[in-house]
N, C-alpha and C. Protein backbone atom coordinates (compact mmCIF):
# COMPACT_ATOMS: atom_id res chain seq x y z
N UNK A 1 31.00 -1.52 4.54
CA UNK A 1 30.53 -0.30 5.16
C UNK A 1 29.37 0.25 4.34
N UNK A 2 28.34 0.62 5.02
CA UNK A 2 27.21 1.22 4.31
C UNK A 2 26.66 2.39 5.10
N UNK A 3 26.04 3.31 4.38
CA UNK A 3 25.42 4.49 4.98
C UNK A 3 24.03 4.65 4.37
N UNK A 4 23.12 5.16 5.19
CA UNK A 4 21.72 5.23 4.80
C UNK A 4 21.20 6.65 4.98
N UNK A 5 20.27 7.04 4.11
CA UNK A 5 19.59 8.33 4.24
C UNK A 5 18.13 8.14 3.88
N UNK A 6 17.26 8.88 4.55
CA UNK A 6 15.82 8.78 4.32
C UNK A 6 15.22 10.16 4.16
N UNK A 7 14.21 10.24 3.33
CA UNK A 7 13.36 11.43 3.24
C UNK A 7 11.94 10.93 3.44
N UNK A 8 11.25 11.50 4.41
CA UNK A 8 9.93 10.98 4.75
C UNK A 8 8.85 12.02 4.47
N UNK A 9 7.65 11.52 4.22
CA UNK A 9 6.46 12.34 3.99
C UNK A 9 6.62 13.26 2.77
N UNK A 10 7.19 12.74 1.70
CA UNK A 10 7.36 13.51 0.47
C UNK A 10 6.05 13.46 -0.31
N UNK A 11 5.60 14.60 -0.81
CA UNK A 11 4.29 14.68 -1.48
C UNK A 11 4.38 14.29 -2.95
N UNK A 12 4.61 13.01 -3.19
CA UNK A 12 4.59 12.45 -4.53
C UNK A 12 4.24 10.97 -4.34
N UNK A 13 3.59 10.39 -5.32
CA UNK A 13 3.16 9.00 -5.14
C UNK A 13 4.35 8.05 -5.27
N UNK A 14 4.35 6.95 -4.52
CA UNK A 14 5.47 6.00 -4.57
C UNK A 14 5.68 5.40 -5.95
N UNK A 15 4.63 5.25 -6.71
CA UNK A 15 4.75 4.65 -8.04
C UNK A 15 5.60 5.52 -8.97
N UNK A 16 5.43 6.82 -8.88
CA UNK A 16 6.21 7.74 -9.71
C UNK A 16 7.68 7.72 -9.30
N UNK A 17 7.93 7.58 -8.00
CA UNK A 17 9.30 7.56 -7.51
C UNK A 17 9.99 6.25 -7.92
N UNK A 18 9.28 5.14 -7.88
CA UNK A 18 9.87 3.85 -8.23
C UNK A 18 10.30 3.78 -9.69
N UNK A 19 9.61 4.50 -10.57
CA UNK A 19 10.01 4.54 -11.98
C UNK A 19 11.41 5.09 -12.13
N UNK A 20 11.73 6.13 -11.38
CA UNK A 20 13.05 6.74 -11.47
C UNK A 20 14.08 5.90 -10.72
N UNK A 21 13.68 5.28 -9.61
CA UNK A 21 14.60 4.45 -8.83
C UNK A 21 15.12 3.26 -9.63
N UNK A 22 14.29 2.73 -10.51
CA UNK A 22 14.71 1.59 -11.30
C UNK A 22 15.85 1.95 -12.25
N UNK A 23 16.03 3.22 -12.56
CA UNK A 23 17.11 3.64 -13.44
C UNK A 23 18.47 3.56 -12.76
N UNK A 24 18.51 3.73 -11.44
CA UNK A 24 19.80 3.85 -10.74
C UNK A 24 20.13 2.68 -9.82
N UNK A 25 19.24 1.74 -9.67
CA UNK A 25 19.45 0.65 -8.72
C UNK A 25 20.70 -0.16 -9.08
N UNK A 26 21.64 -0.30 -8.11
CA UNK A 26 22.84 -1.10 -8.30
C UNK A 26 23.99 -0.41 -9.00
N UNK A 27 23.85 0.84 -9.36
CA UNK A 27 24.91 1.55 -10.09
C UNK A 27 25.87 2.24 -9.13
N UNK A 28 27.00 2.71 -9.67
CA UNK A 28 27.92 3.51 -8.89
C UNK A 28 27.28 4.86 -8.60
N UNK A 29 27.70 5.50 -7.52
CA UNK A 29 27.09 6.76 -7.09
C UNK A 29 27.30 7.84 -8.15
N UNK A 30 28.49 7.95 -8.69
CA UNK A 30 28.77 8.98 -9.71
C UNK A 30 27.87 8.79 -10.93
N UNK A 31 27.73 7.56 -11.38
CA UNK A 31 26.88 7.27 -12.53
C UNK A 31 25.41 7.57 -12.23
N UNK A 32 24.98 7.23 -11.02
CA UNK A 32 23.59 7.47 -10.62
C UNK A 32 23.29 8.97 -10.56
N UNK A 33 24.23 9.76 -10.04
CA UNK A 33 24.03 11.21 -9.98
C UNK A 33 23.94 11.81 -11.38
N UNK A 34 24.73 11.28 -12.32
CA UNK A 34 24.64 11.76 -13.70
C UNK A 34 23.28 11.45 -14.31
N UNK A 35 22.80 10.24 -14.07
CA UNK A 35 21.50 9.84 -14.61
C UNK A 35 20.39 10.71 -14.03
N UNK A 36 20.44 10.92 -12.71
CA UNK A 36 19.39 11.70 -12.05
C UNK A 36 19.41 13.16 -12.46
N UNK A 37 20.59 13.70 -12.73
CA UNK A 37 20.64 15.12 -13.10
C UNK A 37 20.05 15.37 -14.48
N UNK A 38 20.00 14.33 -15.34
CA UNK A 38 19.45 14.50 -16.68
C UNK A 38 18.08 13.85 -16.85
N UNK A 39 17.47 13.41 -15.77
CA UNK A 39 16.13 12.83 -15.85
C UNK A 39 15.12 13.92 -15.52
N UNK A 40 14.22 14.25 -16.46
CA UNK A 40 13.32 15.39 -16.26
C UNK A 40 12.06 15.03 -15.48
N UNK A 41 12.22 14.56 -14.26
CA UNK A 41 11.07 14.24 -13.41
C UNK A 41 11.31 14.82 -12.03
N UNK A 42 10.23 15.13 -11.35
CA UNK A 42 10.32 15.66 -9.99
C UNK A 42 10.96 14.64 -9.06
N UNK A 43 10.65 13.37 -9.26
CA UNK A 43 11.20 12.30 -8.42
C UNK A 43 12.72 12.24 -8.52
N UNK A 44 13.27 12.54 -9.69
CA UNK A 44 14.72 12.49 -9.87
C UNK A 44 15.40 13.53 -8.98
N UNK A 45 14.82 14.70 -8.89
CA UNK A 45 15.36 15.74 -8.02
C UNK A 45 15.33 15.31 -6.56
N UNK A 46 14.22 14.71 -6.14
CA UNK A 46 14.07 14.28 -4.74
C UNK A 46 15.03 13.14 -4.40
N UNK A 47 15.17 12.17 -5.29
CA UNK A 47 16.08 11.05 -5.04
C UNK A 47 17.52 11.54 -5.01
N UNK A 48 17.83 12.50 -5.87
CA UNK A 48 19.19 13.05 -5.91
C UNK A 48 19.55 13.70 -4.58
N UNK A 49 18.60 14.42 -3.97
CA UNK A 49 18.85 15.04 -2.67
C UNK A 49 19.13 13.98 -1.61
N UNK A 50 18.36 12.89 -1.62
CA UNK A 50 18.56 11.83 -0.63
C UNK A 50 19.88 11.12 -0.88
N UNK A 51 20.26 10.95 -2.13
CA UNK A 51 21.53 10.30 -2.47
C UNK A 51 22.70 11.15 -1.99
N UNK A 52 22.62 12.47 -2.15
CA UNK A 52 23.66 13.35 -1.63
C UNK A 52 23.76 13.24 -0.11
N UNK A 53 22.63 13.11 0.56
CA UNK A 53 22.62 12.96 2.00
C UNK A 53 23.27 11.65 2.42
N UNK A 54 22.97 10.57 1.71
CA UNK A 54 23.59 9.27 2.02
C UNK A 54 25.09 9.33 1.79
N UNK A 55 25.52 10.02 0.76
CA UNK A 55 26.93 10.18 0.47
C UNK A 55 27.63 10.97 1.58
N UNK A 56 26.97 12.01 2.07
CA UNK A 56 27.51 12.80 3.18
C UNK A 56 27.59 11.97 4.45
N UNK A 57 26.59 11.13 4.68
CA UNK A 57 26.61 10.26 5.86
C UNK A 57 27.77 9.26 5.77
N UNK A 58 28.05 8.75 4.58
CA UNK A 58 29.15 7.80 4.41
C UNK A 58 30.49 8.47 4.65
N UNK A 59 30.67 9.68 4.15
CA UNK A 59 31.95 10.36 4.36
C UNK A 59 32.09 10.86 5.80
N UNK A 60 30.98 11.06 6.46
CA UNK A 60 31.03 11.44 7.88
C UNK A 60 31.51 10.27 8.73
N UNK A 61 31.08 9.06 8.39
CA UNK A 61 31.49 7.87 9.13
C UNK A 61 32.96 7.56 8.92
N UNK A 62 33.39 7.59 7.66
CA UNK A 62 34.80 7.32 7.33
C UNK A 62 35.32 8.46 6.47
N UNK A 63 36.01 9.43 7.07
CA UNK A 63 36.47 10.61 6.33
C UNK A 63 37.44 10.29 5.19
N UNK A 64 38.18 9.20 5.30
CA UNK A 64 39.16 8.86 4.25
C UNK A 64 38.54 8.05 3.12
N UNK A 65 37.24 7.88 3.15
CA UNK A 65 36.54 7.09 2.14
C UNK A 65 36.52 7.82 0.80
N UNK A 66 36.77 7.09 -0.26
CA UNK A 66 36.72 7.66 -1.61
C UNK A 66 35.29 7.50 -2.14
N UNK A 67 34.60 8.59 -2.45
CA UNK A 67 33.22 8.48 -2.94
C UNK A 67 33.10 7.75 -4.28
N UNK A 68 34.21 7.65 -5.02
CA UNK A 68 34.20 6.95 -6.30
C UNK A 68 33.97 5.45 -6.12
N UNK A 69 34.30 4.91 -4.95
CA UNK A 69 34.18 3.48 -4.69
C UNK A 69 32.75 3.06 -4.32
N UNK A 70 31.92 4.01 -3.95
CA UNK A 70 30.59 3.68 -3.45
C UNK A 70 29.63 3.35 -4.59
N UNK A 71 28.69 2.50 -4.27
CA UNK A 71 27.61 2.19 -5.20
C UNK A 71 26.31 2.13 -4.42
N UNK A 72 25.20 2.08 -5.12
CA UNK A 72 23.90 2.06 -4.46
C UNK A 72 23.53 0.62 -4.14
N UNK A 73 23.53 0.30 -2.85
CA UNK A 73 23.17 -1.05 -2.43
C UNK A 73 21.67 -1.28 -2.49
N UNK A 74 20.93 -0.36 -1.88
CA UNK A 74 19.47 -0.47 -1.85
C UNK A 74 18.88 0.91 -2.10
N UNK A 75 17.78 0.92 -2.79
CA UNK A 75 17.01 2.15 -2.96
C UNK A 75 15.55 1.73 -3.08
N UNK A 76 14.71 2.28 -2.22
CA UNK A 76 13.30 1.90 -2.26
C UNK A 76 12.41 3.04 -1.78
N UNK A 77 11.16 2.95 -2.20
CA UNK A 77 10.16 3.96 -1.85
C UNK A 77 8.97 3.26 -1.21
N UNK A 78 8.70 3.60 0.02
CA UNK A 78 7.55 3.06 0.73
C UNK A 78 6.45 4.11 0.77
N UNK A 79 5.23 3.65 0.79
CA UNK A 79 4.10 4.56 0.88
C UNK A 79 3.97 5.15 2.27
N UNK A 80 3.71 6.42 2.33
CA UNK A 80 3.48 7.09 3.61
C UNK A 80 1.99 7.25 3.83
N UNK A 81 1.60 8.08 4.77
CA UNK A 81 0.17 8.31 5.00
C UNK A 81 -0.47 9.03 3.82
N UNK A 82 -1.70 8.68 3.54
CA UNK A 82 -2.43 9.27 2.43
C UNK A 82 -3.36 10.36 2.93
N UNK A 83 -3.28 11.53 2.31
CA UNK A 83 -4.20 12.61 2.64
C UNK A 83 -5.48 12.40 1.84
N UNK A 84 -6.60 12.35 2.52
CA UNK A 84 -7.86 12.09 1.83
C UNK A 84 -8.66 13.38 1.71
N UNK A 85 -9.01 13.70 0.48
CA UNK A 85 -9.80 14.89 0.19
C UNK A 85 -11.05 14.45 -0.56
N UNK A 86 -12.05 15.33 -0.56
CA UNK A 86 -13.28 14.98 -1.27
C UNK A 86 -13.56 16.03 -2.34
N UNK A 87 -14.30 15.58 -3.35
CA UNK A 87 -14.70 16.47 -4.44
C UNK A 87 -16.16 16.20 -4.75
N UNK A 88 -16.91 17.25 -4.93
CA UNK A 88 -18.33 17.11 -5.22
C UNK A 88 -18.53 16.50 -6.61
N UNK A 89 -19.42 15.55 -6.71
CA UNK A 89 -19.74 14.89 -7.98
C UNK A 89 -21.22 15.09 -8.31
N UNK A 90 -21.68 14.46 -9.34
CA UNK A 90 -23.06 14.64 -9.78
C UNK A 90 -24.06 14.03 -8.80
N UNK A 91 -25.26 14.57 -8.77
CA UNK A 91 -26.38 14.09 -7.97
C UNK A 91 -26.07 14.00 -6.48
N UNK A 92 -25.30 14.95 -5.98
CA UNK A 92 -25.04 15.03 -4.55
C UNK A 92 -24.05 14.01 -4.01
N UNK A 93 -23.39 13.30 -4.87
CA UNK A 93 -22.42 12.30 -4.43
C UNK A 93 -21.05 12.95 -4.19
N UNK A 94 -20.17 12.14 -3.63
CA UNK A 94 -18.83 12.63 -3.31
C UNK A 94 -17.81 11.71 -3.97
N UNK A 95 -16.80 12.30 -4.59
CA UNK A 95 -15.69 11.53 -5.13
C UNK A 95 -14.47 11.77 -4.26
N UNK A 96 -13.71 10.72 -4.00
CA UNK A 96 -12.55 10.87 -3.12
C UNK A 96 -11.30 11.14 -3.94
N UNK A 97 -10.44 11.99 -3.41
CA UNK A 97 -9.13 12.29 -3.99
C UNK A 97 -8.10 11.83 -2.98
N UNK A 98 -7.16 11.00 -3.42
CA UNK A 98 -6.11 10.49 -2.56
C UNK A 98 -4.81 11.20 -2.89
N UNK A 99 -4.28 11.93 -1.94
CA UNK A 99 -3.00 12.62 -2.13
C UNK A 99 -1.96 11.79 -1.39
N UNK A 100 -1.17 11.05 -2.14
CA UNK A 100 -0.26 10.08 -1.56
C UNK A 100 1.07 10.72 -1.16
N UNK A 101 1.71 10.12 -0.15
CA UNK A 101 3.04 10.54 0.28
C UNK A 101 3.99 9.35 0.22
N UNK A 102 5.28 9.64 0.26
CA UNK A 102 6.29 8.62 0.06
C UNK A 102 7.42 8.78 1.07
N UNK A 103 7.98 7.65 1.49
CA UNK A 103 9.22 7.62 2.25
C UNK A 103 10.30 7.07 1.33
N UNK A 104 11.32 7.88 1.02
CA UNK A 104 12.40 7.46 0.13
C UNK A 104 13.60 7.07 0.97
N UNK A 105 14.19 5.89 0.69
CA UNK A 105 15.35 5.40 1.40
C UNK A 105 16.44 5.03 0.41
N UNK A 106 17.67 5.51 0.66
CA UNK A 106 18.82 5.18 -0.17
C UNK A 106 19.92 4.65 0.74
N UNK A 107 20.49 3.49 0.38
CA UNK A 107 21.61 2.90 1.12
C UNK A 107 22.77 2.77 0.14
N UNK A 108 23.91 3.40 0.51
CA UNK A 108 25.13 3.29 -0.31
C UNK A 108 26.17 2.50 0.46
N UNK A 109 27.05 1.84 -0.28
CA UNK A 109 28.10 1.06 0.35
C UNK A 109 29.20 0.76 -0.64
N UNK A 110 30.25 0.09 -0.13
CA UNK A 110 31.33 -0.30 -1.03
C UNK A 110 31.18 -1.77 -1.37
N UNK A 111 31.94 -2.24 -2.30
CA UNK A 111 31.80 -3.61 -2.82
C UNK A 111 32.53 -4.65 -1.99
N UNK A 112 33.16 -4.26 -0.88
CA UNK A 112 33.92 -5.21 -0.06
C UNK A 112 33.04 -6.30 0.53
N UNK A 113 31.82 -5.96 0.93
CA UNK A 113 30.94 -6.93 1.56
C UNK A 113 30.27 -7.88 0.61
N UNK A 114 30.44 -7.66 -0.70
CA UNK A 114 29.75 -8.48 -1.70
C UNK A 114 30.57 -9.69 -2.06
């Protein structure tokens, strides 16, 4: 059994989010929540929210499910649309500023299928 949660169009670059995701990939949900709560990055807060949502989705599907049994099956960050802005540079030129967005996906499940 697995449950999935997504957060889309988050205003942070995917590279920054992947750094934090590598800390929790494959761990138990309780352990991952502990790691995320003590990681001082904006991405940790955002991933934690999505993980709580995935946990709620899992308990919604099977109310008798014990959250202690769940672990993180998949966690990934895909790039979303990029907001393109311009900045004036020297000699009348233009420099581009890319404001990246991210789609965060967390899939939790139990170890029965492994």
